Structure formats: C-alpha cells, structure tokens
Amino acid sequence: MEKESSLKLEFEIFWPYLSERARRIVAAARAMTLGYGGVSLMSRVTGLSRATIMKGIKEIKGGKAHLEPDKVRKPGG
C-alpha cells in the first residue's frame, strides 16, 4: 500500500504536463519495471484502463513508442 500511495503522489506531480500518449507510455514503462501486478497497480495509480496500459506496453515492445521530437502523433494520425 505504501508503494501505491508514493506512486500516486509522484504521478500527481507530473501527470498534468503529459499528453495522452505520453501518459500511456510512462504508465506502461513503469508497469513493466514493477513486474507482476504492475499493470494493475499502475491502472489504480493513474486511472488509465488496463487495456490502455497494455497498449502502451505493446508500443514499447514493438518499437513504436518513439516519435520525432515535438510530435504527439505518428504520421497520418
């Protein structure tokens, strides 16, 4: 529980400054580092759905998380 409350505080600080896409990627990356239960924990902490976080994990693993600087969407998006 302590881990969850400290993560919540951490994310409350910088969450408003992130785009929707950046939120998904950051939550996914943190879930990956947390290991088992990380997706569920990050879903509770961030309010993002588990499906959204899983989408972010797929983007990271597939090499699709990187965009050119100052771009929010991939070309054609």
N, C-alpha and C. Protein backbone atom coordinates (compact mmCIF):
# COMPACT_ATOMS: atom_id res chain seq x y z
N MET A 1 0.82 -1.20 0.00
CA MET A 1 0.00 0.00 0.00
C MET A 1 0.86 1.26 0.00
N GLU A 2 1.99 1.19 0.70
CA GLU A 2 2.89 2.34 0.74
C GLU A 2 3.43 2.65 -0.65
N LYS A 3 3.75 1.61 -1.41
CA LYS A 3 4.25 1.79 -2.76
C LYS A 3 3.20 2.49 -3.62
N GLU A 4 1.95 2.07 -3.47
CA GLU A 4 0.86 2.66 -4.25
C GLU A 4 0.68 4.15 -3.92
N SER A 5 0.71 4.50 -2.65
CA SER A 5 0.49 5.90 -2.27
C SER A 5 1.67 6.78 -2.71
N SER A 6 2.89 6.25 -2.64
CA SER A 6 4.02 7.05 -3.08
C SER A 6 4.02 7.21 -4.61
N LEU A 7 3.61 6.17 -5.33
CA LEU A 7 3.48 6.28 -6.79
C LEU A 7 2.40 7.29 -7.16
N LYS A 8 1.28 7.26 -6.43
CA LYS A 8 0.20 8.21 -6.69
C LYS A 8 0.68 9.64 -6.54
N LEU A 9 1.40 9.90 -5.48
CA LEU A 9 1.94 11.25 -5.24
C LEU A 9 2.89 11.65 -6.37
N GLU A 10 3.78 10.74 -6.74
CA GLU A 10 4.74 11.02 -7.81
C GLU A 10 4.01 11.36 -9.11
N PHE A 11 3.02 10.57 -9.47
CA PHE A 11 2.32 10.80 -10.72
C PHE A 11 1.43 12.04 -10.69
N GLU A 12 0.89 12.37 -9.54
CA GLU A 12 0.08 13.60 -9.42
C GLU A 12 0.90 14.84 -9.74
N ILE A 13 2.18 14.79 -9.47
CA ILE A 13 3.05 15.95 -9.70
C ILE A 13 3.24 16.24 -11.18
N PHE A 14 3.55 15.21 -11.97
CA PHE A 14 3.86 15.49 -13.38
C PHE A 14 2.79 15.07 -14.37
N TRP A 15 1.77 14.37 -13.94
CA TRP A 15 0.71 13.88 -14.83
C TRP A 15 0.05 14.98 -15.67
N PRO A 16 -0.27 16.13 -15.10
CA PRO A 16 -0.94 17.17 -15.89
C PRO A 16 -0.11 17.70 -17.06
N TYR A 17 1.19 17.48 -17.03
CA TYR A 17 2.06 18.01 -18.07
C TYR A 17 2.26 17.06 -19.25
N LEU A 18 1.72 15.85 -19.15
CA LEU A 18 1.91 14.85 -20.19
C LEU A 18 0.72 14.79 -21.14
N SER A 19 1.01 14.49 -22.40
CA SER A 19 -0.05 14.26 -23.39
C SER A 19 -0.67 12.89 -23.11
N GLU A 20 -1.78 12.63 -23.76
CA GLU A 20 -2.46 11.34 -23.59
C GLU A 20 -1.51 10.18 -23.94
N ARG A 21 -0.79 10.33 -25.02
CA ARG A 21 0.13 9.30 -25.48
C ARG A 21 1.29 9.13 -24.49
N ALA A 22 1.83 10.23 -24.02
CA ALA A 22 2.93 10.17 -23.06
C ALA A 22 2.48 9.51 -21.77
N ARG A 23 1.27 9.77 -21.34
CA ARG A 23 0.74 9.14 -20.14
C ARG A 23 0.71 7.62 -20.30
N ARG A 24 0.24 7.18 -21.46
CA ARG A 24 0.15 5.74 -21.73
C ARG A 24 1.54 5.10 -21.71
N ILE A 25 2.51 5.76 -22.35
CA ILE A 25 3.86 5.19 -22.43
C ILE A 25 4.55 5.19 -21.06
N VAL A 26 4.41 6.27 -20.32
CA VAL A 26 5.03 6.35 -18.98
C VAL A 26 4.42 5.30 -18.06
N ALA A 27 3.10 5.19 -18.06
CA ALA A 27 2.45 4.19 -17.21
C ALA A 27 2.86 2.78 -17.61
N ALA A 28 2.96 2.53 -18.92
CA ALA A 28 3.36 1.21 -19.40
C ALA A 28 4.79 0.90 -19.01
N ALA A 29 5.68 1.85 -19.17
CA ALA A 29 7.08 1.63 -18.82
C ALA A 29 7.22 1.34 -17.33
N ARG A 30 6.52 2.09 -16.51
CA ARG A 30 6.60 1.85 -15.06
C ARG A 30 6.01 0.49 -14.72
N ALA A 31 4.90 0.12 -15.36
CA ALA A 31 4.29 -1.19 -15.11
C ALA A 31 5.27 -2.31 -15.46
N MET A 32 6.02 -2.13 -16.54
CA MET A 32 7.00 -3.14 -16.95
C MET A 32 8.10 -3.28 -15.90
N THR A 33 8.54 -2.17 -15.34
CA THR A 33 9.61 -2.23 -14.34
C THR A 33 9.12 -2.82 -13.02
N LEU A 34 7.83 -2.70 -12.75
CA LEU A 34 7.29 -3.23 -11.50
C LEU A 34 7.11 -4.74 -11.53
N GLY A 35 7.02 -5.30 -12.73
CA GLY A 35 6.86 -6.76 -12.84
C GLY A 35 5.43 -7.20 -12.59
N TYR A 36 5.29 -8.41 -12.02
CA TYR A 36 3.97 -9.00 -11.80
C TYR A 36 3.08 -8.05 -10.99
N GLY A 37 1.89 -7.78 -11.50
CA GLY A 37 0.95 -6.89 -10.83
C GLY A 37 1.15 -5.43 -11.18
N GLY A 38 2.18 -5.14 -11.97
CA GLY A 38 2.49 -3.75 -12.32
C GLY A 38 1.40 -3.06 -13.12
N VAL A 39 0.78 -3.79 -14.04
CA VAL A 39 -0.28 -3.19 -14.87
C VAL A 39 -1.47 -2.81 -13.98
N SER A 40 -1.86 -3.71 -13.11
CA SER A 40 -2.98 -3.42 -12.20
C SER A 40 -2.67 -2.25 -11.27
N LEU A 41 -1.46 -2.24 -10.73
CA LEU A 41 -1.07 -1.16 -9.83
C LEU A 41 -1.07 0.17 -10.56
N MET A 42 -0.49 0.22 -11.75
CA MET A 42 -0.45 1.47 -12.50
C MET A 42 -1.84 1.90 -12.93
N SER A 43 -2.73 0.97 -13.18
CA SER A 43 -4.10 1.31 -13.51
C SER A 43 -4.77 2.02 -12.33
N ARG A 44 -4.56 1.48 -11.14
CA ARG A 44 -5.13 2.12 -9.94
C ARG A 44 -4.52 3.49 -9.68
N VAL A 45 -3.22 3.59 -9.86
CA VAL A 45 -2.50 4.83 -9.57
C VAL A 45 -2.87 5.94 -10.55
N THR A 46 -2.94 5.60 -11.84
CA THR A 46 -3.12 6.62 -12.88
C THR A 46 -4.56 6.82 -13.31
N GLY A 47 -5.40 5.83 -13.09
CA GLY A 47 -6.78 5.91 -13.58
C GLY A 47 -6.92 5.46 -15.02
N LEU A 48 -5.81 5.06 -15.65
CA LEU A 48 -5.86 4.53 -17.00
C LEU A 48 -6.36 3.09 -16.93
N SER A 49 -7.03 2.65 -17.98
CA SER A 49 -7.51 1.27 -18.00
C SER A 49 -6.34 0.32 -18.21
N ARG A 50 -6.53 -0.92 -17.80
CA ARG A 50 -5.50 -1.93 -18.02
C ARG A 50 -5.25 -2.10 -19.51
N ALA A 51 -6.30 -2.02 -20.31
CA ALA A 51 -6.15 -2.16 -21.77
C ALA A 51 -5.27 -1.05 -22.34
N THR A 52 -5.42 0.16 -21.84
CA THR A 52 -4.60 1.28 -22.31
C THR A 52 -3.14 1.07 -21.95
N ILE A 53 -2.90 0.60 -20.75
CA ILE A 53 -1.53 0.34 -20.32
C ILE A 53 -0.94 -0.80 -21.14
N MET A 54 -1.71 -1.82 -21.40
CA MET A 54 -1.23 -2.94 -22.23
C MET A 54 -0.92 -2.46 -23.65
N LYS A 55 -1.71 -1.54 -24.16
CA LYS A 55 -1.44 -0.96 -25.48
C LYS A 55 -0.08 -0.26 -25.46
N GLY A 56 0.19 0.48 -24.40
CA GLY A 56 1.48 1.15 -24.26
C GLY A 56 2.63 0.16 -24.20
N ILE A 57 2.44 -0.95 -23.50
CA ILE A 57 3.48 -1.97 -23.42
C ILE A 57 3.75 -2.55 -24.81
N LYS A 58 2.69 -2.80 -25.57
CA LYS A 58 2.87 -3.32 -26.94
C LYS A 58 3.61 -2.32 -27.81
N GLU A 59 3.31 -1.03 -27.63
CA GLU A 59 4.01 0.01 -28.39
C GLU A 59 5.50 0.03 -28.05
N ILE A 60 5.81 -0.09 -26.77
CA ILE A 60 7.21 -0.09 -26.33
C ILE A 60 7.93 -1.31 -26.87
N LYS A 61 7.34 -2.47 -26.71
CA LYS A 61 7.99 -3.71 -27.15
C LYS A 61 8.11 -3.77 -28.67
N GLY A 62 7.17 -3.15 -29.37
CA GLY A 62 7.19 -3.18 -30.83
C GLY A 62 8.02 -2.06 -31.43
N GLY A 63 8.63 -1.25 -30.59
CA GLY A 63 9.45 -0.15 -31.07
C GLY A 63 8.65 1.00 -31.64
N LYS A 64 7.37 1.07 -31.31
CA LYS A 64 6.51 2.12 -31.86
C LYS A 64 6.26 3.25 -30.88
N ALA A 65 6.96 3.23 -29.75
CA ALA A 65 6.76 4.26 -28.73
C ALA A 65 7.53 5.53 -29.05
N HIS A 66 8.52 5.42 -29.94
CA HIS A 66 9.37 6.57 -30.24
C HIS A 66 8.77 7.41 -31.37
N LEU A 67 8.72 8.70 -31.16
CA LEU A 67 8.29 9.66 -32.18
C LEU A 67 9.37 10.71 -32.32
N GLU A 68 9.32 11.43 -33.40
CA GLU A 68 10.24 12.55 -33.57
C GLU A 68 9.96 13.60 -32.50
N PRO A 69 10.99 14.36 -32.11
CA PRO A 69 10.78 15.41 -31.10
C PRO A 69 9.66 16.36 -31.52
N ASP A 70 8.90 16.82 -30.57
CA ASP A 70 7.81 17.77 -30.76
C ASP A 70 6.62 17.18 -31.51
N LYS A 71 6.55 15.86 -31.66
CA LYS A 71 5.41 15.21 -32.32
C LYS A 71 4.61 14.47 -31.28
N VAL A 72 3.29 14.58 -31.38
CA VAL A 72 2.41 13.87 -30.47
C VAL A 72 1.82 12.66 -31.16
N ARG A 73 1.63 12.76 -32.46
CA ARG A 73 1.04 11.66 -33.22
C ARG A 73 1.99 11.18 -34.30
N LYS A 74 1.83 9.90 -34.66
CA LYS A 74 2.63 9.38 -35.76
C LYS A 74 2.09 9.95 -37.07
N PRO A 75 2.84 9.92 -38.14
CA PRO A 75 2.37 10.47 -39.42
C PRO A 75 1.06 9.84 -39.85
N GLY A 76 0.13 10.70 -40.28
CA GLY A 76 -1.19 10.23 -40.69
C GLY A 76 -2.18 10.09 -39.56
N GLY A 77 -1.72 10.32 -38.32
CA GLY A 77 -2.60 10.15 -37.15
C GLY A 77 -3.26 11.42 -36.73
